[in-house]
Amino acid sequence: VALCNDDPAILGQGNSGMTHDFWQALQGWENLGLEG
């Protein structure tokens, strides 16, 4: 799997980067961690 941001301007991320999706996954899933 690779994380992606799809349509950030429309979906509300506020910028073109992927930090929001990466943060959501890191904070949301106990098994992931920075390693994941």
Full PDB file with SEQRES, HELIX, SHEET, SSBOND, CRYST1, ORIGX, SCALE, CONECT and MASTER records, all heavy atoms in Angstrom:
SEQRES   1 A   36  VAL ALA LEU CYS ASN ASP ASP PRO ALA ILE LEU GLY GLN          
SEQRES   2 A   36  GLY ASN SER GLY MET THR HIS ASP PHE TRP GLN ALA LEU          
SEQRES   3 A   36  GLN GLY TRP GLU ASN LEU GLY LEU GLU GLY                      
HELIX    1 AA1 PRO A    8  LEU A   11  1                                   4    
HELIX    2 AA2 THR A   19  GLY A   28  1                                  10    
CRYST1    1.000    1.000    1.000  90.00  90.00  90.00 P 1           1          
ORIGX1      1.000000  0.000000  0.000000        0.00000                         
ORIGX2      0.000000  1.000000  0.000000        0.00000                         
ORIGX3      0.000000  0.000000  1.000000        0.00000                         
SCALE1      1.000000  0.000000  0.000000        0.00000                         
SCALE2      0.000000  1.000000  0.000000        0.00000                         
SCALE3      0.000000  0.000000  1.000000        0.00000                         
ATOM      1  N   VAL A   1       0.845  -1.199   0.000  1.00  0.00           N  
ATOM      2  CA  VAL A   1       0.000   0.000   0.000  1.00  0.00           C  
ATOM      3  C   VAL A   1       0.876   1.244   0.000  1.00  0.00           C  
ATOM      4  O   VAL A   1       1.966   1.246   0.586  1.00  0.00           O  
ATOM      5  CB  VAL A   1      -0.918   0.021   1.247  1.00  0.00           C  
ATOM      6  CG1 VAL A   1      -1.717   1.315   1.310  1.00  0.00           C  
ATOM      7  CG2 VAL A   1      -1.864  -1.182   1.260  1.00  0.00           C  
ATOM      8  N   ALA A   2       0.405   2.284  -0.674  1.00  0.00           N  
ATOM      9  CA  ALA A   2       0.987   3.621  -0.547  1.00  0.00           C  
ATOM     10  C   ALA A   2      -0.127   4.590  -0.202  1.00  0.00           C  
ATOM     11  O   ALA A   2      -1.242   4.477  -0.731  1.00  0.00           O  
ATOM     12  CB  ALA A   2       1.677   4.044  -1.841  1.00  0.00           C  
ATOM     13  N   LEU A   3       0.145   5.529   0.686  1.00  0.00           N  
ATOM     14  CA  LEU A   3      -0.838   6.557   1.028  1.00  0.00           C  
ATOM     15  C   LEU A   3      -0.830   7.664  -0.026  1.00  0.00           C  
ATOM     16  O   LEU A   3       0.230   8.048  -0.520  1.00  0.00           O  
ATOM     17  CB  LEU A   3      -0.528   7.159   2.401  1.00  0.00           C  
ATOM     18  CG  LEU A   3      -0.783   6.263   3.616  1.00  0.00           C  
ATOM     19  CD1 LEU A   3      -0.334   6.971   4.885  1.00  0.00           C  
ATOM     20  CD2 LEU A   3      -2.256   5.867   3.715  1.00  0.00           C  
ATOM     21  N   CYS A   4      -2.015   8.188  -0.349  1.00  0.00           N  
ATOM     22  CA  CYS A   4      -2.158   9.241  -1.348  1.00  0.00           C  
ATOM     23  C   CYS A   4      -3.205  10.244  -0.869  1.00  0.00           C  
ATOM     24  O   CYS A   4      -3.977   9.959   0.044  1.00  0.00           O  
ATOM     25  CB  CYS A   4      -2.579   8.650  -2.700  1.00  0.00           C  
ATOM     26  SG  CYS A   4      -1.570   7.235  -3.251  1.00  0.00           S  
ATOM     27  N   ASN A   5      -3.255  11.414  -1.527  1.00  0.00           N  
ATOM     28  CA  ASN A   5      -4.177  12.447  -1.058  1.00  0.00           C  
ATOM     29  C   ASN A   5      -5.341  12.718  -2.002  1.00  0.00           C  
ATOM     30  O   ASN A   5      -6.247  13.483  -1.667  1.00  0.00           O  
ATOM     31  CB  ASN A   5      -3.430  13.750  -0.751  1.00  0.00           C  
ATOM     32  CG  ASN A   5      -2.759  14.345  -1.981  1.00  0.00           C  
ATOM     33  OD1 ASN A   5      -2.969  13.910  -3.112  1.00  0.00           O  
ATOM     34  ND2 ASN A   5      -1.919  15.343  -1.771  1.00  0.00           N  
ATOM     35  N   ASP A   6      -5.343  12.156  -3.201  1.00  0.00           N  
ATOM     36  CA  ASP A   6      -6.483  12.160  -4.126  1.00  0.00           C  
ATOM     37  C   ASP A   6      -6.829  13.548  -4.646  1.00  0.00           C  
ATOM     38  O   ASP A   6      -6.436  13.913  -5.750  1.00  0.00           O  
ATOM     39  CB  ASP A   6      -7.689  11.489  -3.470  1.00  0.00           C  
ATOM     40  CG  ASP A   6      -8.687  10.955  -4.489  1.00  0.00           C  
ATOM     41  OD1 ASP A   6      -8.342  10.879  -5.682  1.00  0.00           O  
ATOM     42  OD2 ASP A   6      -9.804  10.589  -4.091  1.00  0.00           O  
ATOM     43  N   ASP A   7      -7.581  14.348  -3.894  1.00  0.00           N  
ATOM     44  CA  ASP A   7      -8.104  15.638  -4.375  1.00  0.00           C  
ATOM     45  C   ASP A   7      -8.053  16.687  -3.268  1.00  0.00           C  
ATOM     46  O   ASP A   7      -9.092  17.184  -2.809  1.00  0.00           O  
ATOM     47  CB  ASP A   7      -9.551  15.476  -4.839  1.00  0.00           C  
ATOM     48  CG  ASP A   7      -9.712  14.389  -5.884  1.00  0.00           C  
ATOM     49  OD1 ASP A   7      -9.339  14.621  -7.039  1.00  0.00           O  
ATOM     50  OD2 ASP A   7     -10.219  13.308  -5.523  1.00  0.00           O  
ATOM     51  N   PRO A   8      -6.879  17.055  -2.787  1.00  0.00           N  
ATOM     52  CA  PRO A   8      -6.791  17.869  -1.563  1.00  0.00           C  
ATOM     53  C   PRO A   8      -7.456  19.234  -1.647  1.00  0.00           C  
ATOM     54  O   PRO A   8      -7.991  19.714  -0.648  1.00  0.00           O  
ATOM     55  CB  PRO A   8      -5.282  17.993  -1.330  1.00  0.00           C  
ATOM     56  CG  PRO A   8      -4.656  17.692  -2.657  1.00  0.00           C  
ATOM     57  CD  PRO A   8      -5.551  16.705  -3.319  1.00  0.00           C  
ATOM     58  N   ALA A   9      -7.444  19.891  -2.817  1.00  0.00           N  
ATOM     59  CA  ALA A   9      -8.052  21.222  -2.907  1.00  0.00           C  
ATOM     60  C   ALA A   9      -9.555  21.163  -2.669  1.00  0.00           C  
ATOM     61  O   ALA A   9     -10.139  22.073  -2.073  1.00  0.00           O  
ATOM     62  CB  ALA A   9      -7.770  21.835  -4.280  1.00  0.00           C  
ATOM     63  N   ILE A  10     -10.186  20.091  -3.110  1.00  0.00           N  
ATOM     64  CA  ILE A  10     -11.637  19.960  -2.987  1.00  0.00           C  
ATOM     65  C   ILE A  10     -12.031  19.357  -1.647  1.00  0.00           C  
ATOM     66  O   ILE A  10     -13.053  19.713  -1.061  1.00  0.00           O  
ATOM     67  CB  ILE A  10     -12.196  19.109  -4.141  1.00  0.00           C  
ATOM     68  CG1 ILE A  10     -11.932  19.798  -5.486  1.00  0.00           C  
ATOM     69  CG2 ILE A  10     -13.681  18.833  -3.966  1.00  0.00           C  
ATOM     70  CD1 ILE A  10     -12.316  18.970  -6.700  1.00  0.00           C  
ATOM     71  N   LEU A  11     -11.202  18.444  -1.136  1.00  0.00           N  
ATOM     72  CA  LEU A  11     -11.573  17.670   0.045  1.00  0.00           C  
ATOM     73  C   LEU A  11     -11.275  18.366   1.366  1.00  0.00           C  
ATOM     74  O   LEU A  11     -11.674  17.881   2.421  1.00  0.00           O  
ATOM     75  CB  LEU A  11     -10.864  16.318   0.013  1.00  0.00           C  
ATOM     76  CG  LEU A  11     -11.210  15.430  -1.184  1.00  0.00           C  
ATOM     77  CD1 LEU A  11     -10.338  14.192  -1.204  1.00  0.00           C  
ATOM     78  CD2 LEU A  11     -12.684  15.035  -1.168  1.00  0.00           C  
ATOM     79  N   GLY A  12     -10.536  19.477   1.322  1.00  0.00           N  
ATOM     80  CA  GLY A  12     -10.358  20.257   2.542  1.00  0.00           C  
ATOM     81  C   GLY A  12      -9.002  20.163   3.208  1.00  0.00           C  
ATOM     82  O   GLY A  12      -8.817  20.687   4.309  1.00  0.00           O  
ATOM     83  N   GLN A  13      -8.006  19.520   2.544  1.00  0.00           N  
ATOM     84  CA  GLN A  13      -6.687  19.469   3.172  1.00  0.00           C  
ATOM     85  C   GLN A  13      -6.010  20.830   3.234  1.00  0.00           C  
ATOM     86  O   GLN A  13      -5.162  21.057   4.067  1.00  0.00           O  
ATOM     87  CB  GLN A  13      -5.773  18.468   2.432  1.00  0.00           C  
ATOM     88  CG  GLN A  13      -6.051  17.017   2.761  1.00  0.00           C  
ATOM     89  CD  GLN A  13      -6.901  16.334   1.712  1.00  0.00           C  
ATOM     90  OE1 GLN A  13      -7.903  16.900   1.278  1.00  0.00           O  
ATOM     91  NE2 GLN A  13      -6.541  15.128   1.312  1.00  0.00           N  
ATOM     92  N   GLY A  14      -6.341  21.713   2.301  1.00  0.00           N  
ATOM     93  CA  GLY A  14      -5.798  23.063   2.355  1.00  0.00           C  
ATOM     94  C   GLY A  14      -4.484  23.248   1.638  1.00  0.00           C  
ATOM     95  O   GLY A  14      -4.031  24.364   1.445  1.00  0.00           O  
ATOM     96  N   ASN A  15      -3.819  22.158   1.245  1.00  0.00           N  
ATOM     97  CA  ASN A  15      -2.592  22.246   0.461  1.00  0.00           C  
ATOM     98  C   ASN A  15      -2.444  20.964  -0.349  1.00  0.00           C  
ATOM     99  O   ASN A  15      -3.250  20.043  -0.228  1.00  0.00           O  
ATOM    100  CB  ASN A  15      -1.371  22.484   1.362  1.00  0.00           C  
ATOM    101  CG  ASN A  15      -1.235  21.413   2.425  1.00  0.00           C  
ATOM    102  OD1 ASN A  15      -1.119  20.221   2.120  1.00  0.00           O  
ATOM    103  ND2 ASN A  15      -1.253  21.820   3.677  1.00  0.00           N  
ATOM    104  N   SER A  16      -1.406  20.908  -1.165  1.00  0.00           N  
ATOM    105  CA  SER A  16      -1.247  19.785  -2.094  1.00  0.00           C  
ATOM    106  C   SER A  16      -0.450  18.625  -1.524  1.00  0.00           C  
ATOM    107  O   SER A  16      -0.293  17.603  -2.188  1.00  0.00           O  
ATOM    108  CB  SER A  16      -0.561  20.279  -3.379  1.00  0.00           C  
ATOM    109  OG  SER A  16      -1.308  21.320  -3.964  1.00  0.00           O  
ATOM    110  N   GLY A  17       0.069  18.772  -0.316  1.00  0.00           N  
ATOM    111  CA  GLY A  17       0.912  17.731   0.255  1.00  0.00           C  
ATOM    112  C   GLY A  17       0.123  16.556   0.826  1.00  0.00           C  
ATOM    113  O   GLY A  17      -1.106  16.511   0.788  1.00  0.00           O  
ATOM    114  N   MET A  18       0.868  15.606   1.410  1.00  0.00           N  
ATOM    115  CA  MET A  18       0.269  14.383   1.937  1.00  0.00           C  
ATOM    116  C   MET A  18       0.317  14.280   3.456  1.00  0.00           C  
ATOM    117  O   MET A  18      -0.047  13.256   4.022  1.00  0.00           O  
ATOM    118  CB  MET A  18       0.968  13.160   1.332  1.00  0.00           C  
ATOM    119  CG  MET A  18       0.692  12.954  -0.141  1.00  0.00           C  
ATOM    120  SD  MET A  18       1.101  11.268  -0.656  1.00  0.00           S  
ATOM    121  CE  MET A  18       2.896  11.352  -0.700  1.00  0.00           C  
ATOM    122  N   THR A  19       0.759  15.333   4.126  1.00  0.00           N  
ATOM    123  CA  THR A  19       0.944  15.251   5.571  1.00  0.00           C  
ATOM    124  C   THR A  19      -0.347  14.915   6.308  1.00  0.00           C  
ATOM    125  O   THR A  19      -0.337  14.148   7.279  1.00  0.00           O  
ATOM    126  CB  THR A  19       1.544  16.564   6.104  1.00  0.00           C  
ATOM    127  OG1 THR A  19       2.856  16.729   5.556  1.00  0.00           O  
ATOM    128  CG2 THR A  19       1.645  16.549   7.621  1.00  0.00           C  
ATOM    129  N   HIS A  20      -1.471  15.470   5.875  1.00  0.00           N  
ATOM    130  CA  HIS A  20      -2.727  15.188   6.570  1.00  0.00           C  
ATOM    131  C   HIS A  20      -3.076  13.700   6.525  1.00  0.00           C  
ATOM    132  O   HIS A  20      -3.474  13.114   7.537  1.00  0.00           O  
ATOM    133  CB  HIS A  20      -3.869  16.020   5.976  1.00  0.00           C  
ATOM    134  CG  HIS A  20      -3.775  17.479   6.278  1.00  0.00           C  
ATOM    135  ND1 HIS A  20      -3.317  18.394   5.358  1.00  0.00           N  
ATOM    136  CD2 HIS A  20      -4.063  18.189   7.398  1.00  0.00           C  
ATOM    137  CE1 HIS A  20      -3.331  19.610   5.906  1.00  0.00           C  
ATOM    138  NE2 HIS A  20      -3.783  19.512   7.135  1.00  0.00           N  
ATOM    139  N   ASP A  21      -2.948  13.082   5.352  1.00  0.00           N  
ATOM    140  CA  ASP A  21      -3.258  11.652   5.246  1.00  0.00           C  
ATOM    141  C   ASP A  21      -2.274  10.822   6.063  1.00  0.00           C  
ATOM    142  O   ASP A  21      -2.664   9.847   6.715  1.00  0.00           O  
ATOM    143  CB  ASP A  21      -3.234  11.224   3.782  1.00  0.00           C  
ATOM    144  CG  ASP A  21      -4.466  11.687   3.028  1.00  0.00           C  
ATOM    145  OD1 ASP A  21      -5.471  10.952   3.024  1.00  0.00           O  
ATOM    146  OD2 ASP A  21      -4.435  12.787   2.448  1.00  0.00           O  
ATOM    147  N   PHE A  22      -0.994  11.188   6.039  1.00  0.00           N  
ATOM    148  CA  PHE A  22       0.003  10.459   6.825  1.00  0.00           C  
ATOM    149  C   PHE A  22      -0.282  10.599   8.315  1.00  0.00           C  
ATOM    150  O   PHE A  22      -0.186   9.634   9.070  1.00  0.00           O  
ATOM    151  CB  PHE A  22       1.408  10.995   6.493  1.00  0.00           C  
ATOM    152  CG  PHE A  22       2.059  10.305   5.322  1.00  0.00           C  
ATOM    153  CD1 PHE A  22       1.492  10.332   4.055  1.00  0.00           C  
ATOM    154  CD2 PHE A  22       3.257   9.631   5.475  1.00  0.00           C  
ATOM    155  CE1 PHE A  22       2.082   9.709   2.980  1.00  0.00           C  
ATOM    156  CE2 PHE A  22       3.867   8.991   4.410  1.00  0.00           C  
ATOM    157  CZ  PHE A  22       3.269   9.029   3.152  1.00  0.00           C  
ATOM    158  N   TRP A  23      -0.622  11.817   8.753  1.00  0.00           N  
ATOM    159  CA  TRP A  23      -0.904  12.038  10.169  1.00  0.00           C  
ATOM    160  C   TRP A  23      -2.126  11.241  10.596  1.00  0.00           C  
ATOM    161  O   TRP A  23      -2.128  10.619  11.664  1.00  0.00           O  
ATOM    162  CB  TRP A  23      -1.129  13.521  10.426  1.00  0.00           C  
ATOM    163  CG  TRP A  23      -1.286  13.847  11.879  1.00  0.00           C  
ATOM    164  CD1 TRP A  23      -0.316  14.285  12.740  1.00  0.00           C  
ATOM    165  CD2 TRP A  23      -2.490  13.739  12.654  1.00  0.00           C  
ATOM    166  NE1 TRP A  23      -0.843  14.464  14.002  1.00  0.00           N  
ATOM    167  CE2 TRP A  23      -2.173  14.125  13.975  1.00  0.00           C  
ATOM    168  CE3 TRP A  23      -3.790  13.352  12.365  1.00  0.00           C  
ATOM    169  CZ2 TRP A  23      -3.115  14.141  14.995  1.00  0.00           C  
ATOM    170  CZ3 TRP A  23      -4.735  13.353  13.383  1.00  0.00           C  
ATOM    171  CH2 TRP A  23      -4.391  13.754  14.678  1.00  0.00           C  
ATOM    172  N   GLN A  24      -3.191  11.282   9.795  1.00  0.00           N  
ATOM    173  CA  GLN A  24      -4.414  10.556  10.151  1.00  0.00           C  
ATOM    174  C   GLN A  24      -4.121   9.067  10.359  1.00  0.00           C  
ATOM    175  O   GLN A  24      -4.616   8.456  11.309  1.00  0.00           O  
ATOM    176  CB  GLN A  24      -5.456  10.715   9.038  1.00  0.00           C  
ATOM    177  CG  GLN A  24      -6.171  12.044   9.030  1.00  0.00           C  
ATOM    178  CD  GLN A  24      -7.291  12.115  10.048  1.00  0.00           C  
ATOM    179  OE1 GLN A  24      -7.060  12.446  11.196  1.00  0.00           O  
ATOM    180  NE2 GLN A  24      -8.500  11.819   9.622  1.00  0.00           N  
ATOM    181  N   ALA A  25      -3.342   8.484   9.471  1.00  0.00           N  
ATOM    182  CA  ALA A  25      -3.022   7.059   9.588  1.00  0.00           C  
ATOM    183  C   ALA A  25      -2.182   6.795  10.832  1.00  0.00           C  
ATOM    184  O   ALA A  25      -2.432   5.844  11.584  1.00  0.00           O  
ATOM    185  CB  ALA A  25      -2.281   6.586   8.335  1.00  0.00           C  
ATOM    186  N   LEU A  26      -1.196   7.641  11.081  1.00  0.00           N  
ATOM    187  CA  LEU A  26      -0.316   7.444  12.230  1.00  0.00           C  
ATOM    188  C   LEU A  26      -1.079   7.574  13.540  1.00  0.00           C  
ATOM    189  O   LEU A  26      -0.905   6.755  14.458  1.00  0.00           O  
ATOM    190  CB  LEU A  26       0.823   8.467  12.185  1.00  0.00           C  
ATOM    191  CG  LEU A  26       1.814   8.455  13.346  1.00  0.00           C  
ATOM    192  CD1 LEU A  26       2.534   7.115  13.435  1.00  0.00           C  
ATOM    193  CD2 LEU A  26       2.817   9.593  13.207  1.00  0.00           C  
ATOM    194  N   GLN A  27      -1.933   8.570  13.643  1.00  0.00           N  
ATOM    195  CA  GLN A  27      -2.664   8.788  14.884  1.00  0.00           C  
ATOM    196  C   GLN A  27      -3.814   7.798  15.053  1.00  0.00           C  
ATOM    197  O   GLN A  27      -4.158   7.416  16.166  1.00  0.00           O  
ATOM    198  CB  GLN A  27      -3.213  10.221  14.908  1.00  0.00           C  
ATOM    199  CG  GLN A  27      -3.901  10.618  16.191  1.00  0.00           C  
ATOM    200  CD  GLN A  27      -3.000  10.571  17.401  1.00  0.00           C  
ATOM    201  OE1 GLN A  27      -2.870   9.537  18.035  1.00  0.00           O  
ATOM    202  NE2 GLN A  27      -2.351  11.687  17.719  1.00  0.00           N  
ATOM    203  N   GLY A  28      -4.378   7.332  13.952  1.00  0.00           N  
ATOM    204  CA  GLY A  28      -5.563   6.503  14.035  1.00  0.00           C  
ATOM    205  C   GLY A  28      -5.316   5.027  14.296  1.00  0.00           C  
ATOM    206  O   GLY A  28      -6.154   4.360  14.901  1.00  0.00           O  
ATOM    207  N   TRP A  29      -4.174   4.490  13.840  1.00  0.00           N  
ATOM    208  CA  TRP A  29      -3.978   3.033  13.866  1.00  0.00           C  
ATOM    209  C   TRP A  29      -2.818   2.645  14.781  1.00  0.00           C  
ATOM    210  O   TRP A  29      -1.657   2.989  14.537  1.00  0.00           O  
ATOM    211  CB  TRP A  29      -3.719   2.508  12.453  1.00  0.00           C  
ATOM    212  CG  TRP A  29      -4.833   2.843  11.502  1.00  0.00           C  
ATOM    213  CD1 TRP A  29      -6.155   2.986  11.798  1.00  0.00           C  
ATOM    214  CD2 TRP A  29      -4.715   3.109  10.097  1.00  0.00           C  
ATOM    215  NE1 TRP A  29      -6.873   3.301  10.676  1.00  0.00           N  
ATOM    216  CE2 TRP A  29      -6.025   3.387   9.621  1.00  0.00           C  
ATOM    217  CE3 TRP A  29      -3.646   3.129   9.203  1.00  0.00           C  
ATOM    218  CZ2 TRP A  29      -6.281   3.673   8.280  1.00  0.00           C  
ATOM    219  CZ3 TRP A  29      -3.902   3.413   7.873  1.00  0.00           C  
ATOM    220  CH2 TRP A  29      -5.204   3.683   7.426  1.00  0.00           C  
ATOM    221  N   GLU A  30      -3.125   1.902  15.799  1.00  0.00           N  
ATOM    222  CA  GLU A  30      -2.138   1.524  16.819  1.00  0.00           C  
ATOM    223  C   GLU A  30      -1.003   0.689  16.240  1.00  0.00           C  
ATOM    224  O   GLU A  30       0.151   0.800  16.647  1.00  0.00           O  
ATOM    225  CB  GLU A  30      -2.837   0.723  17.930  1.00  0.00           C  
ATOM    226  CG  GLU A  30      -2.069   0.683  19.235  1.00  0.00           C  
ATOM    227  CD  GLU A  30      -2.097   2.018  19.964  1.00  0.00           C  
ATOM    228  OE1 GLU A  30      -3.106   2.740  19.853  1.00  0.00           O  
ATOM    229  OE2 GLU A  30      -1.113   2.330  20.645  1.00  0.00           O  
ATOM    230  N   ASN A  31      -1.302  -0.173  15.276  1.00  0.00           N  
ATOM    231  CA  ASN A  31      -0.296  -1.091  14.730  1.00  0.00           C  
ATOM    232  C   ASN A  31       0.653  -0.455  13.725  1.00  0.00           C  
ATOM    233  O   ASN A  31       1.590  -1.103  13.281  1.00  0.00           O  
ATOM    234  CB  ASN A  31      -0.981  -2.284  14.051  1.00  0.00           C  
ATOM    235  CG  ASN A  31      -1.202  -3.445  15.001  1.00  0.00           C  
ATOM    236  OD1 ASN A  31      -0.532  -3.559  16.024  1.00  0.00           O  
ATOM    237  ND2 ASN A  31      -2.140  -4.309  14.668  1.00  0.00           N  
ATOM    238  N   LEU A  32       0.418   0.787  13.347  1.00  0.00           N  
ATOM    239  CA  LEU A  32       1.181   1.368  12.240  1.00  0.00           C  
ATOM    240  C   LEU A  32       2.516   1.950  12.694  1.00  0.00           C  
ATOM    241  O   LEU A  32       3.569   1.431  12.346  1.00  0.00           O  
ATOM    242  CB  LEU A  32       0.346   2.432  11.530  1.00  0.00           C  
ATOM    243  CG  LEU A  32       0.908   2.899  10.190  1.00  0.00           C  
ATOM    244  CD1 LEU A  32       0.837   1.793   9.161  1.00  0.00           C  
ATOM    245  CD2 LEU A  32       0.151   4.131   9.687  1.00  0.00           C  
ATOM    246  N   GLY A  33       2.466   3.021  13.452  1.00  0.00           N  
ATOM    247  CA  GLY A  33       3.692   3.669  13.898  1.00  0.00           C  
ATOM    248  C   GLY A  33       4.438   4.348  12.763  1.00  0.00           C  
ATOM    249  O   GLY A  33       4.065   4.258  11.588  1.00  0.00           O  
ATOM    250  N   LEU A  34       5.514   5.033  13.123  1.00  0.00           N  
ATOM    251  CA  LEU A  34       6.366   5.661  12.115  1.00  0.00           C  
ATOM    252  C   LEU A  34       6.961   4.610  11.183  1.00  0.00           C  
ATOM    253  O   LEU A  34       7.182   4.874   9.996  1.00  0.00           O  
ATOM    254  CB  LEU A  34       7.482   6.460  12.798  1.00  0.00           C  
ATOM    255  CG  LEU A  34       8.381   7.290  11.879  1.00  0.00           C  
ATOM    256  CD1 LEU A  34       7.572   8.342  11.135  1.00  0.00           C  
ATOM    257  CD2 LEU A  34       9.511   7.939  12.666  1.00  0.00           C  
ATOM    258  N   GLU A  35       7.176   3.401  11.711  1.00  0.00           N  
ATOM    259  CA  GLU A  35       7.708   2.312  10.876  1.00  0.00           C  
ATOM    260  C   GLU A  35       6.766   2.017   9.722  1.00  0.00           C  
ATOM    261  O   GLU A  35       7.196   1.831   8.572  1.00  0.00           O  
ATOM    262  CB  GLU A  35       7.896   1.034  11.698  1.00  0.00           C  
ATOM    263  CG  GLU A  35       8.722   1.201  12.966  1.00  0.00           C  
ATOM    264  CD  GLU A  35       7.864   1.406  14.202  1.00  0.00           C  
ATOM    265  OE1 GLU A  35       6.944   2.243  14.142  1.00  0.00           O  
ATOM    266  OE2 GLU A  35       8.100   0.711  15.205  1.00  0.00           O  
ATOM    267  N   GLY A  36       5.470   1.934  10.030  1.00  0.00           N  
ATOM    268  CA  GLY A  36       4.490   1.650   8.990  1.00  0.00           C  
ATOM    269  C   GLY A  36       4.393   2.756   7.959  1.00  0.00           C  
ATOM    270  O   GLY A  36       4.260   2.491   6.754  1.00  0.00           O  
TER     271      GLY A  36                                                      
MASTER        0    0    0    2    0    0    0    6  270    1    0    3          
END                                                                             
